[in-house]
Amino acid sequence: MALIESPEAANRLARAIASDLSLYNEQKIIEGILNDNLFSLLNSEIEEGRALYKSRVTEVLYEHTNFYNLAIVDVLVKPKGHVKSKIW
């Protein structure tokens, strides 16, 4: 499989991975927001997604863009803004 070279396609991939993380880890995400330990609680899942992302995009895109991290915030965290938490 050819590596993704397009920034738009890399961004779509990052958001798709984050969407899958959100879908399959809903309860852990809510628990992590409630207890202010979201990133440590989901560390292995987030890093597994990051490894997948890195394996599918060119090194230049991986090193010089922030698509994966932005997708984690936009797709995984922002939609849970309704969860009561001391972090917001």
PDB file of N, CA and C in Angstrom:
ATOM      1  N   MET A   1       0.844  -1.175   0.000  1.00  0.00           N
ATOM      2  CA  MET A   1       0.000   0.000   0.000  1.00  0.00           C
ATOM      3  C   MET A   1       0.896   1.247   0.000  1.00  0.00           C
ATOM      4  N   ALA A   2       0.593   2.167  -0.868  1.00  0.00           N
ATOM      5  CA  ALA A   2       1.374   3.401  -0.979  1.00  0.00           C
ATOM      6  C   ALA A   2       1.096   4.305   0.226  1.00  0.00           C
ATOM      7  N   LEU A   3       2.113   5.035   0.615  1.00  0.00           N
ATOM      8  CA  LEU A   3       1.961   5.975   1.723  1.00  0.00           C
ATOM      9  C   LEU A   3       1.149   7.185   1.282  1.00  0.00           C
ATOM     10  N   ILE A   4       0.404   7.727   2.202  1.00  0.00           N
ATOM     11  CA  ILE A   4      -0.393   8.923   1.945  1.00  0.00           C
ATOM     12  C   ILE A   4       0.541  10.121   1.875  1.00  0.00           C
ATOM     13  N   GLU A   5       0.404  10.896   0.802  1.00  0.00           N
ATOM     14  CA  GLU A   5       1.238  12.076   0.594  1.00  0.00           C
ATOM     15  C   GLU A   5       0.448  13.370   0.687  1.00  0.00           C
ATOM     16  N   SER A   6      -0.847  13.285   0.579  1.00  0.00           N
ATOM     17  CA  SER A   6      -1.712  14.458   0.579  1.00  0.00           C
ATOM     18  C   SER A   6      -2.067  14.872   2.008  1.00  0.00           C
ATOM     19  N   PRO A   7      -1.876  16.152   2.340  1.00  0.00           N
ATOM     20  CA  PRO A   7      -2.273  16.610   3.673  1.00  0.00           C
ATOM     21  C   PRO A   7      -3.760  16.368   3.956  1.00  0.00           C
ATOM     22  N   GLU A   8      -4.593  16.543   2.964  1.00  0.00           N
ATOM     23  CA  GLU A   8      -6.033  16.337   3.160  1.00  0.00           C
ATOM     24  C   GLU A   8      -6.331  14.877   3.497  1.00  0.00           C
ATOM     25  N   ALA A   9      -5.698  13.964   2.785  1.00  0.00           N
ATOM     26  CA  ALA A   9      -5.911  12.536   3.041  1.00  0.00           C
ATOM     27  C   ALA A   9      -5.328  12.146   4.399  1.00  0.00           C
ATOM     28  N   ALA A  10      -4.197  12.716   4.774  1.00  0.00           N
ATOM     29  CA  ALA A  10      -3.593  12.432   6.080  1.00  0.00           C
ATOM     30  C   ALA A  10      -4.503  12.923   7.203  1.00  0.00           C
ATOM     31  N   ASN A  11      -5.092  14.083   7.016  1.00  0.00           N
ATOM     32  CA  ASN A  11      -6.019  14.619   8.009  1.00  0.00           C
ATOM     33  C   ASN A  11      -7.254  13.725   8.131  1.00  0.00           C
ATOM     34  N   ARG A  12      -7.777  13.266   7.003  1.00  0.00           N
ATOM     35  CA  ARG A  12      -8.932  12.353   7.031  1.00  0.00           C
ATOM     36  C   ARG A  12      -8.594  11.056   7.757  1.00  0.00           C
ATOM     37  N   LEU A  13      -7.411  10.519   7.501  1.00  0.00           N
ATOM     38  CA  LEU A  13      -6.981   9.298   8.182  1.00  0.00           C
ATOM     39  C   LEU A  13      -6.894   9.528   9.684  1.00  0.00           C
ATOM     40  N   ALA A  14      -6.278  10.618  10.092  1.00  0.00           N
ATOM     41  CA  ALA A  14      -6.144  10.930  11.521  1.00  0.00           C
ATOM     42  C   ALA A  14      -7.515  11.022  12.179  1.00  0.00           C
ATOM     43  N   ARG A  15      -8.447  11.675  11.523  1.00  0.00           N
ATOM     44  CA  ARG A  15      -9.796  11.824  12.080  1.00  0.00           C
ATOM     45  C   ARG A  15     -10.541  10.495  12.105  1.00  0.00           C
ATOM     46  N   ALA A  16     -10.310   9.643  11.124  1.00  0.00           N
ATOM     47  CA  ALA A  16     -10.946   8.323  11.109  1.00  0.00           C
ATOM     48  C   ALA A  16     -10.424   7.462  12.256  1.00  0.00           C
ATOM     49  N   ILE A  17      -9.135   7.516  12.493  1.00  0.00           N
ATOM     50  CA  ILE A  17      -8.553   6.759  13.605  1.00  0.00           C
ATOM     51  C   ILE A  17      -9.099   7.272  14.934  1.00  0.00           C
ATOM     52  N   ALA A  18      -9.142   8.589  15.094  1.00  0.00           N
ATOM     53  CA  ALA A  18      -9.679   9.171  16.324  1.00  0.00           C
ATOM     54  C   ALA A  18     -11.153   8.814  16.498  1.00  0.00           C
ATOM     55  N   SER A  19     -11.887   8.784  15.411  1.00  0.00           N
ATOM     56  CA  SER A  19     -13.303   8.407  15.462  1.00  0.00           C
ATOM     57  C   SER A  19     -13.469   6.964  15.931  1.00  0.00           C
ATOM     58  N   ASP A  20     -12.631   6.078  15.430  1.00  0.00           N
ATOM     59  CA  ASP A  20     -12.680   4.687  15.892  1.00  0.00           C
ATOM     60  C   ASP A  20     -12.343   4.592  17.377  1.00  0.00           C
ATOM     61  N   LEU A  21     -11.341   5.333  17.805  1.00  0.00           N
ATOM     62  CA  LEU A  21     -10.996   5.345  19.228  1.00  0.00           C
ATOM     63  C   LEU A  21     -12.182   5.803  20.067  1.00  0.00           C
ATOM     64  N   SER A  22     -12.854   6.837  19.603  1.00  0.00           N
ATOM     65  CA  SER A  22     -14.009   7.360  20.316  1.00  0.00           C
ATOM     66  C   SER A  22     -15.139   6.335  20.366  1.00  0.00           C
ATOM     67  N   LEU A  23     -15.393   5.706  19.250  1.00  0.00           N
ATOM     68  CA  LEU A  23     -16.471   4.729  19.153  1.00  0.00           C
ATOM     69  C   LEU A  23     -16.252   3.542  20.076  1.00  0.00           C
ATOM     70  N   TYR A  24     -15.039   3.021  20.101  1.00  0.00           N
ATOM     71  CA  TYR A  24     -14.768   1.796  20.857  1.00  0.00           C
ATOM     72  C   TYR A  24     -14.355   2.033  22.307  1.00  0.00           C
ATOM     73  N   ASN A  25     -14.183   3.278  22.705  1.00  0.00           N
ATOM     74  CA  ASN A  25     -13.724   3.577  24.062  1.00  0.00           C
ATOM     75  C   ASN A  25     -14.582   4.628  24.753  1.00  0.00           C
ATOM     76  N   GLU A  26     -15.835   4.705  24.409  1.00  0.00           N
ATOM     77  CA  GLU A  26     -16.744   5.728  24.939  1.00  0.00           C
ATOM     78  C   GLU A  26     -16.692   5.815  26.463  1.00  0.00           C
ATOM     79  N   GLN A  27     -16.837   4.696  27.141  1.00  0.00           N
ATOM     80  CA  GLN A  27     -16.888   4.721  28.605  1.00  0.00           C
ATOM     81  C   GLN A  27     -15.555   5.150  29.207  1.00  0.00           C
ATOM     82  N   LYS A  28     -14.456   4.683  28.630  1.00  0.00           N
ATOM     83  CA  LYS A  28     -13.137   5.085  29.129  1.00  0.00           C
ATOM     84  C   LYS A  28     -12.918   6.585  28.941  1.00  0.00           C
ATOM     85  N   ILE A  29     -13.410   7.132  27.846  1.00  0.00           N
ATOM     86  CA  ILE A  29     -13.259   8.563  27.584  1.00  0.00           C
ATOM     87  C   ILE A  29     -14.024   9.361  28.636  1.00  0.00           C
ATOM     88  N   ILE A  30     -15.247   8.976  28.880  1.00  0.00           N
ATOM     89  CA  ILE A  30     -16.052   9.669  29.901  1.00  0.00           C
ATOM     90  C   ILE A  30     -15.393   9.555  31.267  1.00  0.00           C
ATOM     91  N   GLU A  31     -14.951   8.364  31.611  1.00  0.00           N
ATOM     92  CA  GLU A  31     -14.271   8.150  32.887  1.00  0.00           C
ATOM     93  C   GLU A  31     -12.996   9.000  32.978  1.00  0.00           C
ATOM     94  N   GLY A  32     -12.246   9.053  31.893  1.00  0.00           N
ATOM     95  CA  GLY A  32     -11.008   9.836  31.879  1.00  0.00           C
ATOM     96  C   GLY A  32     -11.253  11.319  32.024  1.00  0.00           C
ATOM     97  N   ILE A  33     -12.332  11.811  31.425  1.00  0.00           N
ATOM     98  CA  ILE A  33     -12.672  13.227  31.574  1.00  0.00           C
ATOM     99  C   ILE A  33     -13.139  13.507  33.000  1.00  0.00           C
ATOM    100  N   LEU A  34     -13.987  12.647  33.515  1.00  0.00           N
ATOM    101  CA  LEU A  34     -14.476  12.836  34.885  1.00  0.00           C
ATOM    102  C   LEU A  34     -13.344  12.843  35.902  1.00  0.00           C
ATOM    103  N   ASN A  35     -12.354  11.989  35.699  1.00  0.00           N
ATOM    104  CA  ASN A  35     -11.267  11.838  36.667  1.00  0.00           C
ATOM    105  C   ASN A  35      -9.995  12.582  36.274  1.00  0.00           C
ATOM    106  N   ASP A  36     -10.063  13.370  35.215  1.00  0.00           N
ATOM    107  CA  ASP A  36      -8.928  14.154  34.739  1.00  0.00           C
ATOM    108  C   ASP A  36      -7.681  13.292  34.494  1.00  0.00           C
ATOM    109  N   ASN A  37      -7.900  12.122  33.905  1.00  0.00           N
ATOM    110  CA  ASN A  37      -6.769  11.255  33.559  1.00  0.00           C
ATOM    111  C   ASN A  37      -6.973  10.611  32.180  1.00  0.00           C
ATOM    112  N   LEU A  38      -7.651  11.340  31.302  1.00  0.00           N
ATOM    113  CA  LEU A  38      -8.016  10.813  29.997  1.00  0.00           C
ATOM    114  C   LEU A  38      -6.816  10.278  29.225  1.00  0.00           C
ATOM    115  N   PHE A  39      -5.760  11.067  29.128  1.00  0.00           N
ATOM    116  CA  PHE A  39      -4.639  10.667  28.290  1.00  0.00           C
ATOM    117  C   PHE A  39      -3.819   9.540  28.895  1.00  0.00           C
ATOM    118  N   SER A  40      -3.754   9.434  30.191  1.00  0.00           N
ATOM    119  CA  SER A  40      -3.067   8.284  30.780  1.00  0.00           C
ATOM    120  C   SER A  40      -3.952   7.036  30.697  1.00  0.00           C
ATOM    121  N   LEU A  41      -5.245   7.202  30.844  1.00  0.00           N
ATOM    122  CA  LEU A  41      -6.170   6.073  30.764  1.00  0.00           C
ATOM    123  C   LEU A  41      -6.217   5.475  29.360  1.00  0.00           C
ATOM    124  N   LEU A  42      -6.152   6.332  28.344  1.00  0.00           N
ATOM    125  CA  LEU A  42      -6.222   5.873  26.952  1.00  0.00           C
ATOM    126  C   LEU A  42      -4.863   5.849  26.260  1.00  0.00           C
ATOM    127  N   ASN A  43      -3.798   5.917  27.026  1.00  0.00           N
ATOM    128  CA  ASN A  43      -2.470   6.009  26.431  1.00  0.00           C
ATOM    129  C   ASN A  43      -2.192   4.893  25.425  1.00  0.00           C
ATOM    130  N   SER A  44      -2.447   3.664  25.772  1.00  0.00           N
ATOM    131  CA  SER A  44      -2.109   2.567  24.854  1.00  0.00           C
ATOM    132  C   SER A  44      -2.947   2.633  23.579  1.00  0.00           C
ATOM    133  N   GLU A  45      -4.220   2.974  23.703  1.00  0.00           N
ATOM    134  CA  GLU A  45      -5.078   3.080  22.530  1.00  0.00           C
ATOM    135  C   GLU A  45      -4.648   4.242  21.623  1.00  0.00           C
ATOM    136  N   ILE A  46      -4.346   5.380  22.240  1.00  0.00           N
ATOM    137  CA  ILE A  46      -3.917   6.555  21.476  1.00  0.00           C
ATOM    138  C   ILE A  46      -2.586   6.276  20.784  1.00  0.00           C
ATOM    139  N   GLU A  47      -1.672   5.633  21.472  1.00  0.00           N
ATOM    140  CA  GLU A  47      -0.369   5.340  20.866  1.00  0.00           C
ATOM    141  C   GLU A  47      -0.485   4.274  19.780  1.00  0.00           C
ATOM    142  N   GLU A  48      -1.380   3.322  19.940  1.00  0.00           N
ATOM    143  CA  GLU A  48      -1.617   2.339  18.880  1.00  0.00           C
ATOM    144  C   GLU A  48      -2.162   3.035  17.628  1.00  0.00           C
ATOM    145  N   GLY A  49      -3.081   3.978  17.829  1.00  0.00           N
ATOM    146  CA  GLY A  49      -3.604   4.761  16.713  1.00  0.00           C
ATOM    147  C   GLY A  49      -2.530   5.611  16.071  1.00  0.00           C
ATOM    148  N   ARG A  50      -1.661   6.190  16.889  1.00  0.00           N
ATOM    149  CA  ARG A  50      -0.561   7.009  16.369  1.00  0.00           C
ATOM    150  C   ARG A  50       0.374   6.150  15.507  1.00  0.00           C
ATOM    151  N   ALA A  51       0.661   4.941  15.962  1.00  0.00           N
ATOM    152  CA  ALA A  51       1.531   4.038  15.196  1.00  0.00           C
ATOM    153  C   ALA A  51       0.889   3.687  13.856  1.00  0.00           C
ATOM    154  N   LEU A  52      -0.408   3.449  13.852  1.00  0.00           N
ATOM    155  CA  LEU A  52      -1.112   3.171  12.600  1.00  0.00           C
ATOM    156  C   LEU A  52      -1.022   4.377  11.672  1.00  0.00           C
ATOM    157  N   TYR A  53      -1.305   5.555  12.207  1.00  0.00           N
ATOM    158  CA  TYR A  53      -1.226   6.784  11.420  1.00  0.00           C
ATOM    159  C   TYR A  53       0.174   6.951  10.824  1.00  0.00           C
ATOM    160  N   LYS A  54       1.187   6.802  11.663  1.00  0.00           N
ATOM    161  CA  LYS A  54       2.569   6.968  11.213  1.00  0.00           C
ATOM    162  C   LYS A  54       2.918   5.971  10.115  1.00  0.00           C
ATOM    163  N   SER A  55       2.387   4.764  10.200  1.00  0.00           N
ATOM    164  CA  SER A  55       2.703   3.737   9.211  1.00  0.00           C
ATOM    165  C   SER A  55       2.040   3.987   7.863  1.00  0.00           C
ATOM    166  N   ARG A  56       1.042   4.862   7.840  1.00  0.00           N
ATOM    167  CA  ARG A  56       0.273   5.081   6.612  1.00  0.00           C
ATOM    168  C   ARG A  56       0.579   6.385   5.889  1.00  0.00           C
ATOM    169  N   VAL A  57       1.295   7.308   6.558  1.00  0.00           N
ATOM    170  CA  VAL A  57       1.606   8.599   5.930  1.00  0.00           C
ATOM    171  C   VAL A  57       3.111   8.730   5.715  1.00  0.00           C
ATOM    172  N   THR A  58       3.476   9.625   4.802  1.00  0.00           N
ATOM    173  CA  THR A  58       4.905   9.853   4.560  1.00  0.00           C
ATOM    174  C   THR A  58       5.558  10.442   5.814  1.00  0.00           C
ATOM    175  N   GLU A  59       6.843  10.244   5.906  1.00  0.00           N
ATOM    176  CA  GLU A  59       7.586  10.769   7.044  1.00  0.00           C
ATOM    177  C   GLU A  59       7.476  12.291   7.126  1.00  0.00           C
ATOM    178  N   VAL A  60       7.491  12.946   5.986  1.00  0.00           N
ATOM    179  CA  VAL A  60       7.385  14.412   5.947  1.00  0.00           C
ATOM    180  C   VAL A  60       6.062  14.856   6.564  1.00  0.00           C
ATOM    181  N   LEU A  61       4.967  14.218   6.182  1.00  0.00           N
ATOM    182  CA  LEU A  61       3.666  14.577   6.752  1.00  0.00           C
ATOM    183  C   LEU A  61       3.634  14.294   8.244  1.00  0.00           C
ATOM    184  N   TYR A  62       4.177  13.161   8.639  1.00  0.00           N
ATOM    185  CA  TYR A  62       4.159  12.813  10.062  1.00  0.00           C
ATOM    186  C   TYR A  62       4.981  13.803  10.880  1.00  0.00           C
ATOM    187  N   GLU A  63       6.139  14.143  10.384  1.00  0.00           N
ATOM    188  CA  GLU A  63       7.041  15.015  11.136  1.00  0.00           C
ATOM    189  C   GLU A  63       6.631  16.489  11.123  1.00  0.00           C
ATOM    190  N   HIS A  64       5.924  16.930  10.077  1.00  0.00           N
ATOM    191  CA  HIS A  64       5.690  18.366   9.904  1.00  0.00           C
ATOM    192  C   HIS A  64       4.223  18.780  10.000  1.00  0.00           C
ATOM    193  N   THR A  65       3.382  17.876  10.421  1.00  0.00           N
ATOM    194  CA  THR A  65       1.978  18.237  10.647  1.00  0.00           C
ATOM    195  C   THR A  65       1.563  17.730  12.019  1.00  0.00           C
ATOM    196  N   ASN A  66       0.448  18.215  12.468  1.00  0.00           N
ATOM    197  CA  ASN A  66      -0.057  17.845  13.786  1.00  0.00           C
ATOM    198  C   ASN A  66      -1.453  17.219  13.657  1.00  0.00           C
ATOM    199  N   PHE A  67      -1.735  16.606  12.522  1.00  0.00           N
ATOM    200  CA  PHE A  67      -3.080  16.111  12.250  1.00  0.00           C
ATOM    201  C   PHE A  67      -3.575  15.109  13.285  1.00  0.00           C
ATOM    202  N   TYR A  68      -2.733  14.197  13.696  1.00  0.00           N
ATOM    203  CA  TYR A  68      -3.196  13.168  14.629  1.00  0.00           C
ATOM    204  C   TYR A  68      -3.563  13.773  15.987  1.00  0.00           C
ATOM    205  N   ASN A  69      -2.696  14.607  16.524  1.00  0.00           N
ATOM    206  CA  ASN A  69      -2.984  15.222  17.828  1.00  0.00           C
ATOM    207  C   ASN A  69      -4.237  16.100  17.768  1.00  0.00           C
ATOM    208  N   LEU A  70      -4.373  16.852  16.682  1.00  0.00           N
ATOM    209  CA  LEU A  70      -5.565  17.692  16.530  1.00  0.00           C
ATOM    210  C   LEU A  70      -6.829  16.840  16.433  1.00  0.00           C
ATOM    211  N   ALA A  71      -6.743  15.725  15.732  1.00  0.00           N
ATOM    212  CA  ALA A  71      -7.898  14.842  15.601  1.00  0.00           C
ATOM    213  C   ALA A  71      -8.288  14.258  16.954  1.00  0.00           C
ATOM    214  N   ILE A  72      -7.314  13.928  17.771  1.00  0.00           N
ATOM    215  CA  ILE A  72      -7.614  13.395  19.104  1.00  0.00           C
ATOM    216  C   ILE A  72      -8.428  14.423  19.891  1.00  0.00           C
ATOM    217  N   VAL A  73      -8.023  15.663  19.848  1.00  0.00           N
ATOM    218  CA  VAL A  73      -8.750  16.712  20.573  1.00  0.00           C
ATOM    219  C   VAL A  73     -10.119  16.969  19.937  1.00  0.00           C
ATOM    220  N   ASP A  74     -10.141  17.151  18.609  1.00  0.00           N
ATOM    221  CA  ASP A  74     -11.388  17.502  17.923  1.00  0.00           C
ATOM    222  C   ASP A  74     -12.426  16.388  17.923  1.00  0.00           C
ATOM    223  N   VAL A  75     -12.000  15.160  17.790  1.00  0.00           N
ATOM    224  CA  VAL A  75     -12.932  14.049  17.628  1.00  0.00           C
ATOM    225  C   VAL A  75     -13.164  13.299  18.933  1.00  0.00           C
ATOM    226  N   LEU A  76     -12.146  13.195  19.759  1.00  0.00           N
ATOM    227  CA  LEU A  76     -12.251  12.405  20.984  1.00  0.00           C
ATOM    228  C   LEU A  76     -12.693  13.243  22.181  1.00  0.00           C
ATOM    229  N   VAL A  77     -12.153  14.440  22.313  1.00  0.00           N
ATOM    230  CA  VAL A  77     -12.391  15.236  23.523  1.00  0.00           C
ATOM    231  C   VAL A  77     -13.523  16.244  23.363  1.00  0.00           C
ATOM    232  N   LYS A  78     -13.486  17.074  22.335  1.00  0.00           N
ATOM    233  CA  LYS A  78     -14.475  18.147  22.184  1.00  0.00           C
ATOM    234  C   LYS A  78     -15.926  17.676  22.238  1.00  0.00           C
ATOM    235  N   PRO A  79     -16.280  16.583  21.600  1.00  0.00           N
ATOM    236  CA  PRO A  79     -17.680  16.153  21.659  1.00  0.00           C
ATOM    237  C   PRO A  79     -18.144  15.757  23.062  1.00  0.00           C
ATOM    238  N   LYS A  80     -17.202  15.588  23.973  1.00  0.00           N
ATOM    239  CA  LYS A  80     -17.556  15.217  25.352  1.00  0.00           C
ATOM    240  C   LYS A  80     -17.576  16.435  26.266  1.00  0.00           C
ATOM    241  N   GLY A  81     -17.705  17.612  25.690  1.00  0.00           N
ATOM    242  CA  GLY A  81     -17.739  18.845  26.472  1.00  0.00           C
ATOM    243  C   GLY A  81     -18.893  18.904  27.449  1.00  0.00           C
ATOM    244  N   HIS A  82     -19.903  18.100  27.228  1.00  0.00           N
ATOM    245  CA  HIS A  82     -21.067  18.073  28.120  1.00  0.00           C
ATOM    246  C   HIS A  82     -20.806  17.283  29.408  1.00  0.00           C
ATOM    247  N   VAL A  83     -19.726  16.500  29.438  1.00  0.00           N
ATOM    248  CA  VAL A  83     -19.406  15.706  30.615  1.00  0.00           C
ATOM    249  C   VAL A  83     -18.879  16.645  31.688  1.00  0.00           C
ATOM    250  N   LYS A  84     -19.506  16.614  32.849  1.00  0.00           N
ATOM    251  CA  LYS A  84     -19.075  17.493  33.927  1.00  0.00           C
ATOM    252  C   LYS A  84     -17.694  17.077  34.415  1.00  0.00           C
ATOM    253  N   SER A  85     -16.833  18.067  34.493  1.00  0.00           N
ATOM    254  CA  SER A  85     -15.458  17.790  34.875  1.00  0.00           C
ATOM    255  C   SER A  85     -14.823  19.045  35.461  1.00  0.00           C
ATOM    256  N   LYS A  86     -13.862  18.837  36.325  1.00  0.00           N
ATOM    257  CA  LYS A  86     -13.135  19.972  36.891  1.00  0.00           C
ATOM    258  C   LYS A  86     -12.140  20.553  35.903  1.00  0.00           C
ATOM    259  N   ILE A  87     -11.903  19.846  34.774  1.00  0.00           N
ATOM    260  CA  ILE A  87     -10.912  20.351  33.824  1.00  0.00           C
ATOM    261  C   ILE A  87     -11.492  21.424  32.908  1.00  0.00           C
ATOM    262  N   TRP A  88     -12.821  21.623  32.898  1.00  0.00           N
ATOM    263  CA  TRP A  88     -13.393  22.735  32.150  1.00  0.00           C
ATOM    264  C   TRP A  88     -14.559  23.325  32.836  1.00  0.00           C
TER     265      TRP A  88
END
